[in-house]
Amino acid sequence: MLNVTNGQRSLLTGTVIMATTMQALDATIANVALPHMQGALNAAQDQISWVVTSYVVAAAIGVALTSFLSERFGRKRLYIISVIGFTIASVLCGIATSLPEIVGFRLLQGLCGAGLVPLGQSVMMDIYPREKQGQAMAMWGMGVMVGPIIGPTLGGYLTEYYNWRWVFLINVPFGALGALGIAALLPREEQKPNHYFDMMGFAFLAIGIASLQLMLDRGQTQDWFESTEIVIETMIAVLGLYLFVVHIRTTERPFISSHPFRDINYIGGLIIMFLMGAVPLASMVLIPTMLQSVMGYPVLDAGWIMAPRGLGTMFAMFFMGRIGQKVDARALILIGLGVSVFALWQMTRFALDSSATEIGISGFIQGVGMGMLFVPVSSLAFATLERKYVTEAASVFTLVRNIGNSIGISVVVSVLSRNVQTYHAVLTEHINPFSQSARAFADSLGALSPVAALSVIEREISRQAAMAGYVDDFIAMAWVTAAVAPMVLFLRKPKQMPTAPEPAHAYE
């Protein structure tokens, strides 16, 4: 545990939460501004998606480097460099004048910001004693979970009333305050300039992760395995990750130590966190598109309807921070899973005439479930882990959550697209001159011409098919969330442990 005063701990906690929120916010805030960027930068639909893809790929690679860079240059120095680099990259994105410029600057932003989440988590675990780490994870987790939730709302507001460039420039004051706070408050730790770097292990991991992220992000637009590009990316991803696993199990000094993977709580936490990224966070991508494309809500209204989800998460995390040390974390995880399943069950009842209140309430409940899961899972995963592995384990923890998020989004979007096509074909079969309901609907259109009437009928079929497709996705996500529950049985309740020494790397 780092030697800090209570005042330093409080100020450092606020600084870490601010830096974490800034990075987590950028994972979603730019998405709603893509159409405006497309026009301003004169880019095609498939080209503008690289603004998101470049950030995701760079962040995945950067997370993997965090542990080594922390040891090599010192955690404090790396933290400051990451915040400053992220802020400068944000400014460059905000003033970019062409697509190649903004894609390059987003790569830089992803690389610099990748370490902010694992570094923040390791700092929070090192400035609080073990008996208060549940409370620490609750406070820090607000930034991780709430950032992506409020991103679309804030991004839509800035784009609508100001300019799309402000979704990047808004980071400047927070980045400046974060860098100053870390420089002034975080104690300096010993750095290891001669620390060994496993280049081969990193290369295998970077190639595997980058190929996987490209495959997941571009799969839907390239028709998945009908595309040669996707097949090649998949093969490279599988080969790279396989070689990485073989390498770390056979080399003496691997890029990522295998010691944390021997801890059953850590492994269980990784699996649950992976599925958390794949299910609850993926639903945050579905609902805004459902509100705008199917139910006809403007972007700002859709953002406000999503806002209760963030409030639910904040409420649950505040509550978890108060009771986290008094209740068995495994019981809290089961309750959180139950709340999440209930929220998804509510979503399976959505219809075209569902009210904004109904959608907002279900979002609030799901936010509560997410908050109830994140805190005990994060605390329990690290509860029995030696402190010298915390930074390394936190990097892998963040990487696995991000991969789960990418896989979840790709799967639900792909399933949605295919189900919508199926439902559209089925509904169309019932539209013919002999269908009484079809004729009654056509008669209700009044004096429209036959062509106009058919156009209205086609739009209505598309809306109904899309709504059925969304409901099917929610059903599948509810079953997947429920299937996580047995994993909790393998987690162990940690015993009271003595204060651990200062963090150090495994290879001293």
Protein backbone atom coordinates (compact mmCIF):
# COMPACT_ATOMS: atom_id res chain seq x y z
CA MET A 1 0.00 0.00 0.00
CA LEU A 2 1.30 3.45 -0.91
CA ASN A 3 2.01 5.82 1.94
CA VAL A 4 -0.40 8.73 1.41
CA THR A 5 -2.29 10.99 3.81
CA ASN A 6 -6.09 10.97 3.96
CA GLY A 7 -6.18 14.32 2.17
CA GLN A 8 -3.90 13.06 -0.59
CA ARG A 9 -5.98 9.92 -0.92
CA SER A 10 -9.21 11.88 -1.38
CA LEU A 11 -7.73 14.28 -3.94
CA LEU A 12 -5.97 11.45 -5.78
CA THR A 13 -9.20 9.47 -5.89
CA GLY A 14 -10.99 12.36 -7.56
CA THR A 15 -8.13 12.81 -10.04
CA VAL A 16 -8.05 9.12 -10.97
CA ILE A 17 -11.84 9.00 -11.42
CA MET A 18 -11.70 12.09 -13.66
CA ALA A 19 -8.94 10.62 -15.85
CA THR A 20 -10.74 7.27 -16.08
CA THR A 21 -14.05 8.90 -17.01
CA MET A 22 -12.33 11.01 -19.68
CA GLN A 23 -10.92 7.91 -21.38
CA ALA A 24 -14.07 5.79 -20.97
CA LEU A 25 -16.21 8.61 -22.34
CA ASP A 26 -14.24 8.71 -25.60
CA ALA A 27 -15.13 5.09 -26.33
CA THR A 28 -18.69 6.17 -27.27
CA ILE A 29 -18.90 9.96 -27.42
CA ALA A 30 -17.61 10.17 -31.01
CA ASN A 31 -20.06 7.59 -32.41
CA VAL A 32 -23.04 9.93 -32.65
CA ALA A 33 -20.93 12.56 -34.43
CA LEU A 34 -19.81 10.23 -37.25
CA PRO A 35 -22.42 11.47 -39.77
CA HIS A 36 -21.31 15.07 -39.18
CA MET A 37 -17.64 14.08 -39.51
CA GLN A 38 -18.44 12.25 -42.73
CA GLY A 39 -19.78 15.41 -44.34
CA ALA A 40 -17.08 17.71 -42.97
CA LEU A 41 -14.22 15.42 -43.99
CA ASN A 42 -15.75 14.34 -47.32
CA ALA A 43 -15.57 10.64 -46.41
CA ALA A 44 -17.62 7.64 -47.56
CA GLN A 45 -19.74 5.59 -45.15
CA ASP A 46 -17.24 2.71 -44.92
CA GLN A 47 -14.31 5.13 -44.60
CA ILE A 48 -15.65 7.16 -41.66
CA SER A 49 -15.97 3.99 -39.57
CA TRP A 50 -12.16 3.97 -39.34
CA VAL A 51 -12.47 6.86 -36.86
CA VAL A 52 -13.86 4.31 -34.39
CA THR A 53 -11.91 1.27 -35.59
CA SER A 54 -8.51 2.97 -35.33
CA TYR A 55 -9.19 4.01 -31.73
CA VAL A 56 -10.37 0.53 -30.69
CA VAL A 57 -7.42 -1.28 -32.26
CA ALA A 58 -4.83 1.12 -30.84
CA ALA A 59 -6.38 0.96 -27.37
CA ALA A 60 -6.31 -2.85 -27.40
CA ILE A 61 -2.60 -2.90 -28.24
CA GLY A 62 -1.82 -0.10 -25.79
CA VAL A 63 -3.50 -1.89 -22.88
CA ALA A 64 -1.23 -4.88 -23.41
CA LEU A 65 1.85 -2.63 -23.09
CA THR A 66 0.76 -0.90 -19.88
CA SER A 67 2.34 -3.27 -17.39
CA PHE A 68 5.78 -3.28 -19.05
CA LEU A 69 5.83 0.51 -19.55
CA SER A 70 4.77 1.00 -15.92
CA GLU A 71 7.74 -1.04 -14.73
CA ARG A 72 10.17 0.46 -17.25
CA PHE A 73 9.39 4.15 -16.73
CA GLY A 74 7.54 4.11 -13.40
CA ARG A 75 3.80 4.19 -12.91
CA LYS A 76 3.62 7.89 -12.05
CA ARG A 77 5.62 8.97 -15.09
CA LEU A 78 3.62 6.70 -17.42
CA TYR A 79 0.33 7.96 -15.96
CA ILE A 80 1.29 11.60 -16.54
CA ILE A 81 2.55 10.90 -20.08
CA SER A 82 -0.65 8.98 -20.88
CA VAL A 83 -2.94 11.79 -19.72
CA ILE A 84 -0.95 14.49 -21.52
CA GLY A 85 -0.64 12.40 -24.68
CA PHE A 86 -4.37 11.63 -24.65
CA THR A 87 -5.19 15.33 -24.23
CA ILE A 88 -2.88 16.43 -27.03
CA ALA A 89 -4.27 13.72 -29.33
CA SER A 90 -7.79 14.92 -28.51
CA VAL A 91 -6.86 18.46 -29.59
CA LEU A 92 -5.37 17.13 -32.81
CA CYS A 93 -8.55 15.14 -33.52
CA GLY A 94 -10.61 18.28 -32.90
CA ILE A 95 -8.65 20.35 -35.43
CA ALA A 96 -8.19 17.60 -38.07
CA THR A 97 -9.07 18.65 -41.60
CA SER A 98 -8.97 15.32 -43.46
CA LEU A 99 -9.84 11.67 -42.89
CA PRO A 100 -6.22 10.41 -42.81
CA GLU A 101 -5.39 13.05 -40.20
CA ILE A 102 -8.21 12.17 -37.82
CA VAL A 103 -7.63 8.41 -38.21
CA GLY A 104 -3.95 8.90 -37.38
CA PHE A 105 -4.73 11.11 -34.40
CA ARG A 106 -7.33 8.61 -33.16
CA LEU A 107 -4.63 5.92 -33.27
CA LEU A 108 -2.46 8.15 -31.09
CA GLN A 109 -5.39 8.87 -28.77
CA GLY A 110 -6.12 5.15 -28.38
CA LEU A 111 -2.48 4.31 -27.63
CA CYS A 112 -2.09 7.10 -25.06
CA GLY A 113 -5.44 6.50 -23.38
CA ALA A 114 -5.19 2.71 -23.22
CA GLY A 115 -3.33 2.69 -19.92
CA LEU A 116 -5.57 5.13 -18.08
CA VAL A 117 -8.06 2.49 -16.94
CA PRO A 118 -5.62 -0.21 -15.68
CA LEU A 119 -3.28 2.41 -14.19
CA GLY A 120 -6.21 4.03 -12.41
CA GLN A 121 -7.39 0.69 -11.07
CA SER A 122 -3.94 -0.25 -9.76
CA VAL A 123 -3.50 3.16 -8.11
CA MET A 124 -6.87 2.90 -6.38
CA MET A 125 -6.01 -0.56 -5.08
CA ASP A 126 -2.65 0.66 -3.80
CA ILE A 127 -3.84 3.77 -1.94
CA TYR A 128 -6.64 1.96 -0.07
CA PRO A 129 -6.22 -0.88 2.43
CA ARG A 130 -7.73 -4.24 1.54
CA GLU A 131 -10.72 -3.75 3.83
CA LYS A 132 -11.71 -0.61 1.88
CA GLN A 133 -11.00 -1.82 -1.64
CA GLY A 134 -14.66 -2.56 -2.29
CA GLN A 135 -15.44 1.09 -1.65
CA ALA A 136 -12.47 2.13 -3.78
CA MET A 137 -13.64 -0.02 -6.72
CA ALA A 138 -17.13 1.45 -6.38
CA MET A 139 -15.84 5.01 -6.70
CA TRP A 140 -13.42 4.21 -9.52
CA GLY A 141 -15.96 2.04 -11.31
CA MET A 142 -18.30 5.00 -11.74
CA GLY A 143 -15.88 6.42 -14.28
CA VAL A 144 -15.46 3.12 -16.12
CA MET A 145 -19.16 2.29 -16.36
CA VAL A 146 -20.84 5.70 -16.47
CA GLY A 147 -18.48 7.18 -19.07
CA PRO A 148 -19.64 5.00 -21.99
CA ILE A 149 -23.28 5.40 -20.91
CA ILE A 150 -23.35 9.20 -20.93
CA GLY A 151 -21.10 9.36 -24.02
CA PRO A 152 -23.91 9.26 -26.62
CA THR A 153 -25.99 11.83 -24.72
CA LEU A 154 -23.11 14.27 -24.29
CA GLY A 155 -21.85 13.65 -27.83
CA GLY A 156 -25.29 14.29 -29.29
CA TYR A 157 -25.69 17.53 -27.31
CA LEU A 158 -22.26 18.87 -28.31
CA THR A 159 -22.77 17.95 -31.94
CA GLU A 160 -26.27 19.41 -32.12
CA TYR A 161 -25.64 22.73 -30.38
CA TYR A 162 -21.94 23.33 -31.03
CA ASN A 163 -19.80 21.30 -33.42
CA TRP A 164 -18.60 17.70 -33.76
CA ARG A 165 -15.07 18.90 -32.97
CA TRP A 166 -16.13 19.57 -29.36
CA VAL A 167 -16.54 15.84 -28.68
CA PHE A 168 -12.72 15.82 -28.67
CA LEU A 169 -11.90 19.33 -27.44
CA ILE A 170 -13.98 18.82 -24.28
CA ASN A 171 -11.15 16.62 -22.97
CA VAL A 172 -8.69 19.51 -22.69
CA PRO A 173 -9.61 20.98 -19.25
CA PHE A 174 -10.06 17.53 -17.70
CA GLY A 175 -6.77 16.30 -19.13
CA ALA A 176 -4.91 19.34 -17.82
CA LEU A 177 -6.37 18.95 -14.33
CA GLY A 178 -5.70 15.20 -14.37
CA ALA A 179 -2.04 15.60 -15.31
CA LEU A 180 -1.47 18.27 -12.65
CA GLY A 181 -3.24 16.21 -9.98
CA ILE A 182 -1.27 13.05 -10.69
CA ALA A 183 2.03 14.97 -10.79
CA ALA A 184 1.34 16.60 -7.43
CA LEU A 185 -0.33 13.77 -5.51
CA LEU A 186 0.87 10.35 -6.69
CA PRO A 187 4.05 9.20 -4.92
CA ARG A 188 6.97 8.35 -7.20
CA GLU A 189 7.90 4.66 -7.39
CA GLU A 190 11.12 2.93 -8.32
CA GLN A 191 11.57 2.41 -12.03
CA LYS A 192 13.54 -0.38 -13.69
CA PRO A 193 15.33 0.97 -16.76
CA ASN A 194 16.82 -2.45 -17.56
CA HIS A 195 13.51 -4.29 -17.20
CA TYR A 196 13.33 -7.15 -19.72
CA PHE A 197 10.89 -6.74 -22.63
CA ASP A 198 9.55 -9.90 -24.27
CA MET A 199 9.34 -8.59 -27.84
CA MET A 200 8.17 -11.88 -29.34
CA GLY A 201 5.35 -12.30 -26.80
CA PHE A 202 4.18 -8.74 -27.35
CA ALA A 203 4.32 -9.15 -31.14
CA PHE A 204 2.15 -12.29 -31.03
CA LEU A 205 -0.37 -10.61 -28.73
CA ALA A 206 -0.48 -7.32 -30.65
CA ILE A 207 -0.96 -9.04 -34.02
CA GLY A 208 -3.65 -11.34 -32.62
CA ILE A 209 -5.57 -8.59 -30.84
CA ALA A 210 -5.34 -6.11 -33.72
CA SER A 211 -6.55 -8.72 -36.24
CA LEU A 212 -9.38 -9.77 -33.92
CA GLN A 213 -10.55 -6.19 -33.42
CA LEU A 214 -10.43 -5.50 -37.17
CA MET A 215 -12.41 -8.66 -37.87
CA LEU A 216 -15.07 -7.82 -35.29
CA ASP A 217 -15.39 -4.18 -36.27
CA ARG A 218 -15.55 -4.72 -40.04
CA GLY A 219 -17.28 -8.09 -40.14
CA GLN A 220 -20.83 -6.80 -40.49
CA THR A 221 -20.05 -4.34 -43.29
CA GLN A 222 -17.98 -6.94 -45.17
CA ASP A 223 -20.59 -9.74 -44.83
CA TRP A 224 -18.41 -11.70 -42.43
CA PHE A 225 -16.84 -14.87 -43.80
CA GLU A 226 -18.09 -14.23 -47.30
CA SER A 227 -15.28 -11.66 -47.38
CA THR A 228 -11.67 -12.66 -48.03
CA GLU A 229 -10.53 -9.81 -45.77
CA ILE A 230 -12.46 -11.18 -42.78
CA VAL A 231 -11.23 -14.74 -43.36
CA ILE A 232 -7.61 -13.56 -43.46
CA GLU A 233 -8.03 -11.40 -40.33
CA THR A 234 -9.62 -14.33 -38.49
CA MET A 235 -6.80 -16.70 -39.41
CA ILE A 236 -4.17 -14.18 -38.33
CA ALA A 237 -6.01 -13.53 -35.04
CA VAL A 238 -6.29 -17.24 -34.20
CA LEU A 239 -2.65 -17.91 -35.12
CA GLY A 240 -1.34 -14.87 -33.24
CA LEU A 241 -3.26 -15.64 -30.02
CA TYR A 242 -2.36 -19.34 -30.19
CA LEU A 243 1.34 -18.54 -30.55
CA PHE A 244 1.06 -16.05 -27.69
CA VAL A 245 -0.45 -18.67 -25.34
CA VAL A 246 2.20 -21.22 -26.30
CA HIS A 247 4.94 -18.63 -25.87
CA ILE A 248 4.00 -17.48 -22.36
CA ARG A 249 3.76 -21.11 -21.21
CA THR A 250 7.19 -22.06 -22.53
CA THR A 251 9.44 -19.00 -22.13
CA GLU A 252 11.20 -18.12 -18.89
CA ARG A 253 10.28 -14.43 -18.87
CA PRO A 254 6.99 -13.99 -20.76
CA PHE A 255 5.40 -10.69 -21.73
CA ILE A 256 2.50 -11.42 -19.36
CA SER A 257 3.16 -13.51 -16.27
CA SER A 258 1.12 -16.69 -15.88
CA HIS A 259 0.93 -16.31 -12.08
CA PRO A 260 -2.38 -14.34 -11.97
CA PHE A 261 -4.02 -17.03 -14.12
CA ARG A 262 -3.43 -19.56 -11.35
CA ASP A 263 -5.81 -17.63 -9.07
CA ILE A 264 -9.35 -19.05 -9.35
CA ASN A 265 -10.95 -15.76 -8.31
CA TYR A 266 -9.04 -13.84 -10.94
CA ILE A 267 -9.96 -16.34 -13.67
CA GLY A 268 -13.62 -16.26 -12.58
CA GLY A 269 -13.55 -12.46 -12.53
CA LEU A 270 -12.11 -12.40 -16.06
CA ILE A 271 -14.87 -14.67 -17.39
CA ILE A 272 -17.65 -12.68 -15.72
CA MET A 273 -16.12 -9.37 -16.84
CA PHE A 274 -15.83 -10.69 -20.41
CA LEU A 275 -19.53 -11.57 -20.43
CA MET A 276 -20.41 -8.24 -18.80
CA GLY A 277 -18.73 -6.53 -21.71
CA ALA A 278 -20.46 -8.80 -24.21
CA VAL A 279 -24.02 -8.41 -22.90
CA PRO A 280 -25.00 -5.33 -20.83
CA LEU A 281 -22.59 -3.00 -22.61
CA ALA A 282 -23.60 -4.34 -26.03
CA SER A 283 -27.22 -3.48 -25.29
CA MET A 284 -26.15 0.18 -25.05
CA VAL A 285 -25.41 0.01 -28.78
CA LEU A 286 -28.76 -1.55 -29.66
CA ILE A 287 -31.13 0.72 -27.78
CA PRO A 288 -30.05 4.11 -29.24
CA THR A 289 -30.34 2.74 -32.79
CA MET A 290 -33.73 1.23 -31.93
CA LEU A 291 -34.96 4.54 -30.57
CA GLN A 292 -33.80 6.55 -33.57
CA SER A 293 -34.24 4.25 -36.58
CA VAL A 294 -37.33 2.29 -35.52
CA MET A 295 -39.22 4.45 -33.02
CA GLY A 296 -38.40 7.80 -34.62
CA TYR A 297 -36.80 9.64 -31.69
CA PRO A 298 -34.39 12.51 -32.46
CA VAL A 299 -30.79 11.97 -31.39
CA LEU A 300 -31.05 14.25 -28.34
CA ASP A 301 -34.27 12.65 -27.12
CA ALA A 302 -32.73 9.21 -27.55
CA GLY A 303 -29.77 10.37 -25.48
CA TRP A 304 -31.99 11.59 -22.66
CA ILE A 305 -33.93 8.32 -22.65
CA MET A 306 -30.60 6.54 -22.15
CA ALA A 307 -29.62 8.81 -19.25
CA PRO A 308 -31.44 6.83 -16.47
CA ARG A 309 -29.12 3.91 -17.18
CA GLY A 310 -26.17 5.99 -15.99
CA LEU A 311 -28.08 7.14 -12.93
CA GLY A 312 -28.88 3.51 -12.06
CA THR A 313 -25.22 2.56 -12.33
CA MET A 314 -24.11 5.46 -10.13
CA PHE A 315 -26.77 4.66 -7.54
CA ALA A 316 -25.80 0.98 -7.41
CA MET A 317 -22.07 1.69 -7.16
CA PHE A 318 -22.61 4.18 -4.35
CA PHE A 319 -24.71 1.56 -2.56
CA MET A 320 -22.12 -1.18 -3.20
CA GLY A 321 -19.41 1.03 -1.75
CA ARG A 322 -21.36 1.23 1.50
CA ILE A 323 -22.21 -2.46 1.91
CA GLY A 324 -19.46 -4.12 -0.13
CA GLN A 325 -17.43 -5.14 2.93
CA LYS A 326 -20.46 -6.30 4.92
CA VAL A 327 -22.04 -8.71 2.43
CA ASP A 328 -20.51 -11.70 0.65
CA ALA A 329 -19.41 -10.46 -2.79
CA ARG A 330 -20.64 -13.69 -4.39
CA ALA A 331 -24.17 -13.00 -3.18
CA LEU A 332 -23.99 -9.46 -4.58
CA ILE A 333 -22.86 -10.83 -7.96
CA LEU A 334 -25.83 -13.22 -8.06
CA ILE A 335 -28.23 -10.40 -7.16
CA GLY A 336 -26.67 -8.19 -9.84
CA LEU A 337 -27.09 -10.95 -12.42
CA GLY A 338 -30.72 -11.38 -11.38
CA VAL A 339 -31.41 -7.65 -11.71
CA SER A 340 -29.73 -7.62 -15.14
CA VAL A 341 -31.80 -10.58 -16.34
CA PHE A 342 -34.98 -8.89 -15.12
CA ALA A 343 -34.10 -5.70 -17.01
CA LEU A 344 -33.44 -7.66 -20.21
CA TRP A 345 -36.75 -9.51 -19.72
CA GLN A 346 -38.46 -6.12 -19.57
CA MET A 347 -36.76 -5.20 -22.84
CA THR A 348 -38.20 -8.31 -24.51
CA ARG A 349 -41.61 -6.68 -24.03
CA PHE A 350 -40.69 -3.56 -26.01
CA ALA A 351 -43.01 -2.69 -28.89
CA LEU A 352 -43.32 0.13 -31.40
CA ASP A 353 -45.74 1.94 -29.08
CA SER A 354 -43.60 1.55 -25.93
CA SER A 355 -43.29 4.83 -24.06
CA ALA A 356 -40.07 6.67 -23.26
CA THR A 357 -40.84 6.13 -19.56
CA GLU A 358 -41.02 2.37 -20.00
CA ILE A 359 -37.71 2.29 -21.87
CA GLY A 360 -36.08 4.63 -19.35
CA ILE A 361 -37.19 2.50 -16.38
CA SER A 362 -35.80 -0.69 -17.92
CA GLY A 363 -32.55 1.16 -18.61
CA PHE A 364 -32.37 2.36 -15.00
CA ILE A 365 -32.86 -1.20 -13.73
CA GLN A 366 -30.17 -2.51 -16.07
CA GLY A 367 -27.85 0.25 -14.88
CA VAL A 368 -28.44 -0.89 -11.28
CA GLY A 369 -27.58 -4.45 -12.29
CA MET A 370 -24.39 -3.34 -14.03
CA GLY A 371 -23.33 -1.33 -10.99
CA MET A 372 -24.06 -4.23 -8.65
CA LEU A 373 -21.92 -6.53 -10.79
CA PHE A 374 -18.89 -4.36 -11.50
CA VAL A 375 -17.89 -3.57 -7.92
CA PRO A 376 -17.97 -7.08 -6.35
CA VAL A 377 -16.50 -8.71 -9.48
CA SER A 378 -13.58 -6.25 -9.55
CA SER A 379 -12.99 -6.58 -5.80
CA LEU A 380 -13.23 -10.37 -5.68
CA ALA A 381 -11.03 -10.87 -8.75
CA PHE A 382 -8.10 -9.08 -7.05
CA ALA A 383 -8.87 -10.04 -3.45
CA THR A 384 -6.58 -13.09 -3.35
CA LEU A 385 -3.98 -11.80 -5.82
CA GLU A 386 -0.51 -10.76 -4.67
CA ARG A 387 -0.06 -7.00 -4.92
CA LYS A 388 3.04 -7.26 -7.10
CA TYR A 389 0.82 -8.55 -9.93
CA VAL A 390 -1.89 -5.90 -9.62
CA THR A 391 -0.86 -3.58 -12.50
CA GLU A 392 -0.27 -6.48 -14.87
CA ALA A 393 -3.51 -8.19 -13.88
CA ALA A 394 -5.46 -4.92 -14.20
CA SER A 395 -4.19 -4.50 -17.76
CA VAL A 396 -5.39 -7.97 -18.72
CA PHE A 397 -8.68 -7.32 -16.90
CA THR A 398 -9.30 -4.20 -19.00
CA LEU A 399 -8.22 -5.94 -22.21
CA VAL A 400 -10.61 -8.85 -21.64
CA ARG A 401 -13.51 -6.50 -20.89
CA ASN A 402 -12.82 -4.55 -24.08
CA ILE A 403 -12.62 -7.73 -26.16
CA GLY A 404 -15.89 -8.93 -24.65
CA ASN A 405 -17.47 -5.61 -25.55
CA SER A 406 -16.25 -5.83 -29.15
CA ILE A 407 -17.41 -9.43 -29.56
CA GLY A 408 -20.77 -8.71 -27.96
CA ILE A 409 -21.46 -5.72 -30.20
CA SER A 410 -20.44 -7.63 -33.33
CA VAL A 411 -22.60 -10.64 -32.46
CA VAL A 412 -25.76 -8.73 -31.50
CA VAL A 413 -25.54 -6.45 -34.55
CA SER A 414 -24.97 -9.41 -36.87
CA VAL A 415 -27.82 -11.43 -35.32
CA LEU A 416 -30.07 -8.37 -35.48
CA SER A 417 -29.36 -7.86 -39.18
CA ARG A 418 -30.08 -11.47 -40.08
CA ASN A 419 -33.21 -11.69 -37.93
CA VAL A 420 -34.61 -8.48 -39.41
CA GLN A 421 -34.18 -9.91 -42.91
CA THR A 422 -35.94 -13.12 -41.86
CA TYR A 423 -38.85 -11.34 -40.21
CA HIS A 424 -39.18 -8.99 -43.17
CA ALA A 425 -39.48 -11.96 -45.54
CA VAL A 426 -42.05 -13.69 -43.32
CA LEU A 427 -44.21 -10.56 -42.92
CA THR A 428 -44.05 -9.79 -46.62
CA GLU A 429 -45.53 -13.21 -47.43
CA HIS A 430 -48.78 -12.10 -45.78
CA ILE A 431 -49.12 -8.94 -47.87
CA ASN A 432 -51.25 -9.87 -50.86
CA PRO A 433 -54.65 -8.89 -52.37
CA PHE A 434 -56.32 -11.74 -50.47
CA SER A 435 -55.20 -10.61 -46.99
CA GLN A 436 -58.05 -8.87 -45.18
CA SER A 437 -55.73 -7.15 -42.67
CA ALA A 438 -53.51 -5.85 -45.50
CA ARG A 439 -56.51 -4.54 -47.40
CA ALA A 440 -57.91 -2.91 -44.26
CA PHE A 441 -54.57 -1.17 -43.61
CA ALA A 442 -54.39 0.01 -47.22
CA ASP A 443 -57.95 1.38 -46.97
CA SER A 444 -57.00 3.28 -43.82
CA LEU A 445 -54.41 5.21 -45.80
CA GLY A 446 -57.15 7.19 -47.52
CA ALA A 447 -56.60 8.76 -50.92
CA LEU A 448 -52.94 7.79 -51.36
CA SER A 449 -51.95 6.46 -54.74
CA PRO A 450 -51.24 2.71 -54.99
CA VAL A 451 -47.50 3.38 -55.20
CA ALA A 452 -47.54 5.65 -52.16
CA ALA A 453 -49.68 3.15 -50.23
CA LEU A 454 -47.25 0.33 -50.99
CA SER A 455 -44.38 2.52 -49.84
CA VAL A 456 -46.12 3.15 -46.50
CA ILE A 457 -46.83 -0.57 -46.10
CA GLU A 458 -43.17 -1.40 -46.84
CA ARG A 459 -41.95 1.07 -44.20
CA GLU A 460 -44.34 -0.40 -41.63
CA ILE A 461 -43.19 -3.95 -42.42
CA SER A 462 -39.57 -2.84 -42.00
CA ARG A 463 -40.35 -1.26 -38.61
CA GLN A 464 -42.20 -4.33 -37.37
CA ALA A 465 -39.43 -6.66 -38.58
CA ALA A 466 -36.76 -4.50 -36.94
CA MET A 467 -38.63 -4.41 -33.64
CA ALA A 468 -38.96 -8.20 -33.65
CA GLY A 469 -35.24 -8.48 -34.38
CA TYR A 470 -34.35 -6.26 -31.42
CA VAL A 471 -36.59 -8.31 -29.11
CA ASP A 472 -34.87 -11.53 -30.22
CA ASP A 473 -31.50 -9.98 -29.33
CA PHE A 474 -32.75 -9.03 -25.86
CA ILE A 475 -34.02 -12.58 -25.31
CA ALA A 476 -30.66 -14.07 -26.26
CA MET A 477 -28.80 -11.62 -24.00
CA ALA A 478 -31.06 -12.50 -21.07
CA TRP A 479 -30.23 -16.21 -21.46
CA VAL A 480 -26.50 -15.53 -21.73
CA THR A 481 -26.58 -13.36 -18.59
CA ALA A 482 -28.46 -16.06 -16.67
CA ALA A 483 -25.91 -18.64 -17.79
CA VAL A 484 -23.15 -16.71 -15.98
CA ALA A 485 -24.62 -17.53 -12.55
CA PRO A 486 -23.01 -21.00 -12.14
CA MET A 487 -19.56 -19.42 -12.51
CA VAL A 488 -20.09 -17.64 -9.18
CA LEU A 489 -20.06 -21.02 -7.41
CA PHE A 490 -16.37 -21.44 -8.25
CA LEU A 491 -15.31 -18.15 -6.65
CA ARG A 492 -13.80 -18.24 -3.17
CA LYS A 493 -14.53 -15.89 -0.32
CA PRO A 494 -11.16 -14.27 0.51
CA LYS A 495 -9.73 -14.64 3.97
CA GLN A 496 -8.49 -11.63 5.89
CA MET A 497 -5.04 -10.98 4.53
CA PRO A 498 -2.19 -8.97 6.07
CA THR A 499 -1.05 -5.77 4.50
CA ALA A 500 1.00 -6.60 1.42
CA PRO A 501 4.31 -5.02 0.47
CA GLU A 502 4.74 -2.36 -2.18
CA PRO A 503 3.89 -3.56 -5.72
CA ALA A 504 6.77 -5.01 -7.66
CA HIS A 505 7.16 -7.00 -10.82
CA ALA A 506 7.50 -10.77 -10.80
CA TYR A 507 10.94 -10.64 -12.36
CA GLU A 508 13.25 -8.77 -10.09
